[in-house]
């Protein structure tokens, strides 16, 4: 009896052991499938992780681990650990024929406290280095909110008013979220330069920026249910531009022209440059535009003091059209919004072409329309002639004997009534002509700094000083948009 019970227990034990062994074998046969399944599970409440391309090709780099860390391969295996303050150095070999360490591999460098130092700059998140025999491409994997801490101060300045910082934070977050996979061919979402947004990591973080990031956490701007392209620039010089007039493509309803009376104290609100004919000839040789003498220069633009499409040069070798963006690049101009000085054209006359008088709306509804009446002075003093930029072009009127008077209010962009006459090309500065003798130089009068589409940062700072909320600031520069909070 006891022998039969022992045999029974032995068989039960052997059956259990076989079941465990079979289970282990099944698990061992499917590790990649299980791992893939885990990777495909989407956590809708997780903060988006951005892949930021750090610079260009690196022929060498050094990573320091301020709190210790480790290096792992693409399969997630740790291959090396680092103590606090230790460094990892990589570089191309100095002599040909020597093996490039980690060639053809991607390595990942993690800090124990989610922070690593690349060369001299400290970054949150971790680094990825894709190694080839020509160098390394380095990508910073970082949460979008930590990314913003390293962007906002670099773009608008950490000493800006709190509401200005909040506005900049929302547009920077929206830009980053909408730009995911912009550098997909390089394994990244965005880069760390002005091509995307300037990102300097921990070195750009400031105590004034963190509250702006926290107060607007997860908030982006949308239009028709989609994140918008939140373009912004340093200073519009009094008026922003339509996206299609600057970059081409289809017009976007939220990137429409806005009269901005708030950026007068901004960088390059008004600017002047002198370009000699000799310097122009030398610079344009690189663009395969060859001439020795310049007789006439003419601007092609949608309207006066608008972005220059082309600069038409009448020379001894014929007529050449040069894009306004090319002239800006060659001579480092603040913007492509300029006119040519000619026949008594002065800075004051040019300045009058764009609304500059400060105007403070009395209620929120007025903050979406700056009135042309802000240009009119009700005193008998004032300029001998007044130019007003309207939807149909630049209008001129002479000061009446009884002085300037306000006769009505008109939304910015509407045509003023009556018999105002447009300027001739010579008066509005679209042409510089010398007659039979060659031109010696071009005098250029311009406004604004940057591409002038979307939000004007100089105006945003001034509006913040005047206690505008970040929502009001965004509504002023972007039309037909709404705010949405992402789910994380």
Foldseek 3Di string as FASTA:
>chain_A
DVVVVVVVVVVVVVVVVVVVVVVVVVCVVCVVVVVVVVVPDDDQQDFDKFKAWEDDFAQKKKKFAQQWWFKDWPVGDTDGTGHHGDMDIAHADPDPPDDHPQAQTKMKIAHPQQWMAIHHAIAGHIKIWGHHNVGTIIIGTGGLLQQLLQFLCVPQHLPFFLQLLLLSSQLLSLQQVQQQCVVVVSVGRYYCDPVRTPGRHPVSGDPSNNVSSVVQPQKYKDFPPHRDNFDEFAALLFKFDFPCQQPNDDTDQFWHMAGFQQQPVTDQSKDKDKFFPVNVQVLCVVVVDHADFWFKWFFDDPAFQHATQWIWTQGPVGIDTDGLVSVCVSVVDQGRRKFWDADPADLVQLSLQHDHQDDDDPDLVCLQFDKPCSSWDQDQDDDQKGWYQALVYIWIDGADPRGTDDPDIDTGRHDDDDDTDDDDCRRSRRMDGDPPHTGGMIMMMHRHGDSRIFAHSSSSSRVSVVVDGSVSSNCNRTPNMDMDGRND
